[in-house]
Amino acid sequence: MTRLEEHLAEMLLRKVNGLTARQAVLQLLESGLIDLKACERRAIHEEIFRLQQQGMPRCEAFEVAAARFSCSYEKARNAFYNLSKH
């Protein structure tokens, strides 16, 4: 972890000190301190991976994930293949 990351982590911990995990996440979301697009990409990626683990073919998993997240097939596909770029 870099020094900047350590300083930022300390700032975030102070912001949520004393809150439950749920309250902390909600507070960070309300404060704009969580990257919603990154969370969305991760959630789509994990959904596709989960569906594949259950035996669903990848292309079908893209379609199901796109429907569940109300996004395009292409967005689901990009979230799966390009997660590491963000």
N, C-alpha and C. Protein backbone atom coordinates (compact mmCIF):
# COMPACT_ATOMS: atom_id res chain seq x y z
N MET A 1 0.85 -1.17 0.00
CA MET A 1 0.00 0.00 0.00
C MET A 1 0.90 1.24 0.00
N THR A 2 0.57 2.21 -0.83
CA THR A 2 1.37 3.43 -0.90
C THR A 2 1.04 4.34 0.29
N ARG A 3 1.87 5.33 0.48
CA ARG A 3 1.62 6.29 1.57
C ARG A 3 0.30 7.02 1.35
N LEU A 4 0.02 7.39 0.11
CA LEU A 4 -1.24 8.07 -0.19
C LEU A 4 -2.42 7.17 0.16
N GLU A 5 -2.34 5.90 -0.24
CA GLU A 5 -3.42 4.97 0.08
C GLU A 5 -3.59 4.82 1.59
N GLU A 6 -2.50 4.79 2.31
CA GLU A 6 -2.57 4.69 3.77
C GLU A 6 -3.24 5.93 4.37
N HIS A 7 -2.88 7.11 3.87
CA HIS A 7 -3.50 8.36 4.37
C HIS A 7 -4.99 8.37 4.06
N LEU A 8 -5.34 7.97 2.85
CA LEU A 8 -6.75 7.95 2.46
C LEU A 8 -7.53 6.93 3.28
N ALA A 9 -6.94 5.77 3.51
CA ALA A 9 -7.60 4.75 4.32
C ALA A 9 -7.86 5.28 5.73
N GLU A 10 -6.90 5.98 6.30
CA GLU A 10 -7.08 6.55 7.64
C GLU A 10 -8.20 7.58 7.65
N MET A 11 -8.27 8.41 6.61
CA MET A 11 -9.33 9.41 6.51
C MET A 11 -10.69 8.74 6.43
N LEU A 12 -10.79 7.68 5.64
CA LEU A 12 -12.05 6.96 5.50
C LEU A 12 -12.44 6.29 6.81
N LEU A 13 -11.47 5.71 7.49
CA LEU A 13 -11.76 5.08 8.78
C LEU A 13 -12.27 6.09 9.80
N ARG A 14 -11.69 7.27 9.80
CA ARG A 14 -12.18 8.32 10.72
C ARG A 14 -13.61 8.71 10.38
N LYS A 15 -13.92 8.74 9.09
CA LYS A 15 -15.25 9.15 8.64
C LYS A 15 -16.33 8.17 9.09
N VAL A 16 -15.98 6.88 9.21
CA VAL A 16 -16.98 5.87 9.53
C VAL A 16 -16.80 5.30 10.94
N ASN A 17 -15.93 5.88 11.70
CA ASN A 17 -15.67 5.39 13.05
C ASN A 17 -16.95 5.29 13.87
N GLY A 18 -17.17 4.12 14.46
CA GLY A 18 -18.33 3.91 15.31
C GLY A 18 -19.59 3.48 14.59
N LEU A 19 -19.56 3.40 13.27
CA LEU A 19 -20.74 3.00 12.51
C LEU A 19 -20.72 1.50 12.26
N THR A 20 -21.89 0.93 12.06
CA THR A 20 -21.95 -0.47 11.63
C THR A 20 -21.42 -0.54 10.20
N ALA A 21 -21.15 -1.74 9.74
CA ALA A 21 -20.65 -1.90 8.37
C ALA A 21 -21.64 -1.30 7.36
N ARG A 22 -22.92 -1.58 7.53
CA ARG A 22 -23.94 -1.05 6.61
C ARG A 22 -23.98 0.46 6.66
N GLN A 23 -23.97 1.03 7.86
CA GLN A 23 -23.98 2.48 8.01
C GLN A 23 -22.75 3.10 7.38
N ALA A 24 -21.60 2.43 7.54
CA ALA A 24 -20.35 2.95 6.99
C ALA A 24 -20.42 3.00 5.46
N VAL A 25 -20.90 1.92 4.86
CA VAL A 25 -21.01 1.89 3.40
C VAL A 25 -21.97 2.96 2.92
N LEU A 26 -23.11 3.08 3.57
CA LEU A 26 -24.09 4.11 3.18
C LEU A 26 -23.51 5.51 3.33
N GLN A 27 -22.77 5.74 4.39
CA GLN A 27 -22.14 7.05 4.61
C GLN A 27 -21.13 7.36 3.51
N LEU A 28 -20.31 6.38 3.15
CA LEU A 28 -19.32 6.59 2.10
C LEU A 28 -19.98 6.79 0.74
N LEU A 29 -21.07 6.08 0.49
CA LEU A 29 -21.82 6.29 -0.76
C LEU A 29 -22.40 7.69 -0.81
N GLU A 30 -23.03 8.12 0.28
CA GLU A 30 -23.64 9.46 0.33
C GLU A 30 -22.60 10.55 0.18
N SER A 31 -21.39 10.29 0.68
CA SER A 31 -20.32 11.28 0.61
C SER A 31 -19.63 11.30 -0.75
N GLY A 32 -19.98 10.36 -1.62
CA GLY A 32 -19.34 10.30 -2.93
C GLY A 32 -17.93 9.74 -2.88
N LEU A 33 -17.62 8.99 -1.82
CA LEU A 33 -16.27 8.47 -1.64
C LEU A 33 -16.11 7.04 -2.13
N ILE A 34 -17.16 6.50 -2.73
CA ILE A 34 -17.09 5.17 -3.33
C ILE A 34 -17.38 5.34 -4.82
N ASP A 35 -16.55 4.74 -5.65
CA ASP A 35 -16.69 4.81 -7.09
C ASP A 35 -17.82 3.86 -7.52
N LEU A 36 -18.99 4.43 -7.78
CA LEU A 36 -20.15 3.60 -8.14
C LEU A 36 -19.95 2.84 -9.44
N LYS A 37 -19.29 3.44 -10.40
CA LYS A 37 -19.05 2.75 -11.68
C LYS A 37 -18.16 1.53 -11.47
N ALA A 38 -17.12 1.69 -10.63
CA ALA A 38 -16.24 0.56 -10.34
C ALA A 38 -17.00 -0.55 -9.61
N CYS A 39 -17.87 -0.16 -8.69
CA CYS A 39 -18.69 -1.15 -7.97
C CYS A 39 -19.62 -1.87 -8.93
N GLU A 40 -20.21 -1.13 -9.85
CA GLU A 40 -21.11 -1.74 -10.83
C GLU A 40 -20.36 -2.73 -11.71
N ARG A 41 -19.18 -2.32 -12.19
CA ARG A 41 -18.38 -3.24 -13.03
C ARG A 41 -18.05 -4.51 -12.26
N ARG A 42 -17.65 -4.36 -11.00
CA ARG A 42 -17.29 -5.53 -10.18
C ARG A 42 -18.50 -6.43 -9.96
N ALA A 43 -19.66 -5.82 -9.68
CA ALA A 43 -20.87 -6.61 -9.42
C ALA A 43 -21.29 -7.38 -10.67
N ILE A 44 -21.21 -6.75 -11.84
CA ILE A 44 -21.55 -7.43 -13.09
C ILE A 44 -20.57 -8.57 -13.34
N HIS A 45 -19.29 -8.29 -13.16
CA HIS A 45 -18.26 -9.32 -13.35
C HIS A 45 -18.51 -10.51 -12.44
N GLU A 46 -18.78 -10.25 -11.18
CA GLU A 46 -19.01 -11.34 -10.22
C GLU A 46 -20.27 -12.12 -10.53
N GLU A 47 -21.30 -11.43 -11.03
CA GLU A 47 -22.54 -12.12 -11.41
C GLU A 47 -22.28 -13.07 -12.58
N ILE A 48 -21.55 -12.60 -13.58
CA ILE A 48 -21.24 -13.44 -14.73
C ILE A 48 -20.40 -14.64 -14.29
N PHE A 49 -19.41 -14.40 -13.46
CA PHE A 49 -18.58 -15.49 -12.96
C PHE A 49 -19.42 -16.51 -12.19
N ARG A 50 -20.33 -16.03 -11.33
CA ARG A 50 -21.20 -16.90 -10.55
C ARG A 50 -22.07 -17.76 -11.46
N LEU A 51 -22.64 -17.13 -12.48
CA LEU A 51 -23.49 -17.86 -13.42
C LEU A 51 -22.70 -18.93 -14.16
N GLN A 52 -21.48 -18.61 -14.54
CA GLN A 52 -20.63 -19.58 -15.22
C GLN A 52 -20.29 -20.75 -14.29
N GLN A 53 -20.05 -20.46 -13.03
CA GLN A 53 -19.74 -21.51 -12.07
C GLN A 53 -20.91 -22.47 -11.91
N GLN A 54 -22.12 -21.98 -12.17
CA GLN A 54 -23.32 -22.82 -12.10
C GLN A 54 -23.55 -23.59 -13.40
N GLY A 55 -22.66 -23.38 -14.37
CA GLY A 55 -22.75 -24.14 -15.61
C GLY A 55 -23.34 -23.39 -16.79
N MET A 56 -23.66 -22.12 -16.63
CA MET A 56 -24.24 -21.35 -17.72
C MET A 56 -23.14 -20.94 -18.70
N PRO A 57 -23.38 -21.08 -20.00
CA PRO A 57 -22.40 -20.60 -20.98
C PRO A 57 -22.18 -19.09 -20.84
N ARG A 58 -20.96 -18.67 -21.14
CA ARG A 58 -20.58 -17.27 -20.93
C ARG A 58 -21.49 -16.28 -21.65
N CYS A 59 -21.78 -16.51 -22.91
CA CYS A 59 -22.61 -15.56 -23.66
C CYS A 59 -24.01 -15.45 -23.04
N GLU A 60 -24.54 -16.56 -22.60
CA GLU A 60 -25.85 -16.53 -21.93
C GLU A 60 -25.74 -15.79 -20.59
N ALA A 61 -24.64 -15.99 -19.89
CA ALA A 61 -24.41 -15.28 -18.63
C ALA A 61 -24.35 -13.77 -18.86
N PHE A 62 -23.75 -13.34 -19.97
CA PHE A 62 -23.73 -11.91 -20.30
C PHE A 62 -25.15 -11.39 -20.45
N GLU A 63 -25.99 -12.15 -21.13
CA GLU A 63 -27.38 -11.74 -21.35
C GLU A 63 -28.15 -11.64 -20.04
N VAL A 64 -27.98 -12.64 -19.18
CA VAL A 64 -28.68 -12.65 -17.89
C VAL A 64 -28.20 -11.49 -17.02
N ALA A 65 -26.90 -11.29 -16.96
CA ALA A 65 -26.35 -10.19 -16.15
C ALA A 65 -26.82 -8.84 -16.68
N ALA A 66 -26.85 -8.69 -17.99
CA ALA A 66 -27.31 -7.44 -18.59
C ALA A 66 -28.76 -7.16 -18.19
N ALA A 67 -29.59 -8.19 -18.20
CA ALA A 67 -30.99 -8.01 -17.80
C ALA A 67 -31.09 -7.67 -16.32
N ARG A 68 -30.32 -8.34 -15.48
CA ARG A 68 -30.38 -8.10 -14.03
C ARG A 68 -29.89 -6.71 -13.65
N PHE A 69 -28.91 -6.21 -14.37
CA PHE A 69 -28.35 -4.89 -14.06
C PHE A 69 -28.89 -3.79 -14.96
N SER A 70 -29.90 -4.12 -15.76
CA SER A 70 -30.53 -3.16 -16.67
C SER A 70 -29.49 -2.40 -17.49
N CYS A 71 -28.63 -3.18 -18.12
CA CYS A 71 -27.61 -2.58 -18.98
C CYS A 71 -27.55 -3.37 -20.28
N SER A 72 -26.73 -2.92 -21.18
CA SER A 72 -26.60 -3.60 -22.47
C SER A 72 -25.71 -4.83 -22.34
N TYR A 73 -25.86 -5.73 -23.29
CA TYR A 73 -25.01 -6.91 -23.38
C TYR A 73 -23.56 -6.47 -23.47
N GLU A 74 -23.31 -5.45 -24.26
CA GLU A 74 -21.94 -4.95 -24.46
C GLU A 74 -21.33 -4.42 -23.16
N LYS A 75 -22.14 -3.73 -22.37
CA LYS A 75 -21.64 -3.23 -21.09
C LYS A 75 -21.29 -4.40 -20.17
N ALA A 76 -22.13 -5.42 -20.15
CA ALA A 76 -21.85 -6.60 -19.33
C ALA A 76 -20.58 -7.29 -19.82
N ARG A 77 -20.45 -7.42 -21.11
CA ARG A 77 -19.26 -8.05 -21.70
C ARG A 77 -18.01 -7.25 -21.35
N ASN A 78 -18.07 -5.94 -21.49
CA ASN A 78 -16.92 -5.09 -21.16
C ASN A 78 -16.57 -5.18 -19.67
N ALA A 79 -17.58 -5.22 -18.83
CA ALA A 79 -17.33 -5.32 -17.39
C ALA A 79 -16.61 -6.62 -17.07
N PHE A 80 -16.96 -7.67 -17.79
CA PHE A 80 -16.32 -8.97 -17.54
C PHE A 80 -14.88 -8.99 -18.03
N TYR A 81 -14.66 -8.53 -19.25
CA TYR A 81 -13.33 -8.65 -19.86
C TYR A 81 -12.37 -7.53 -19.46
N ASN A 82 -12.89 -6.36 -19.12
CA ASN A 82 -12.02 -5.21 -18.88
C ASN A 82 -11.95 -4.79 -17.42
N LEU A 83 -12.36 -5.64 -16.51
CA LEU A 83 -12.37 -5.28 -15.10
C LEU A 83 -10.99 -4.85 -14.62
N SER A 84 -9.95 -5.53 -15.03
CA SER A 84 -8.61 -5.24 -14.52
C SER A 84 -8.06 -3.91 -15.03
N LYS A 85 -8.63 -3.34 -16.08
CA LYS A 85 -8.14 -2.08 -16.62
C LYS A 85 -8.54 -0.88 -15.79
N HIS A 86 -9.57 -1.04 -14.92
CA HIS A 86 -10.09 0.10 -14.18
C HIS A 86 -9.59 0.09 -12.77
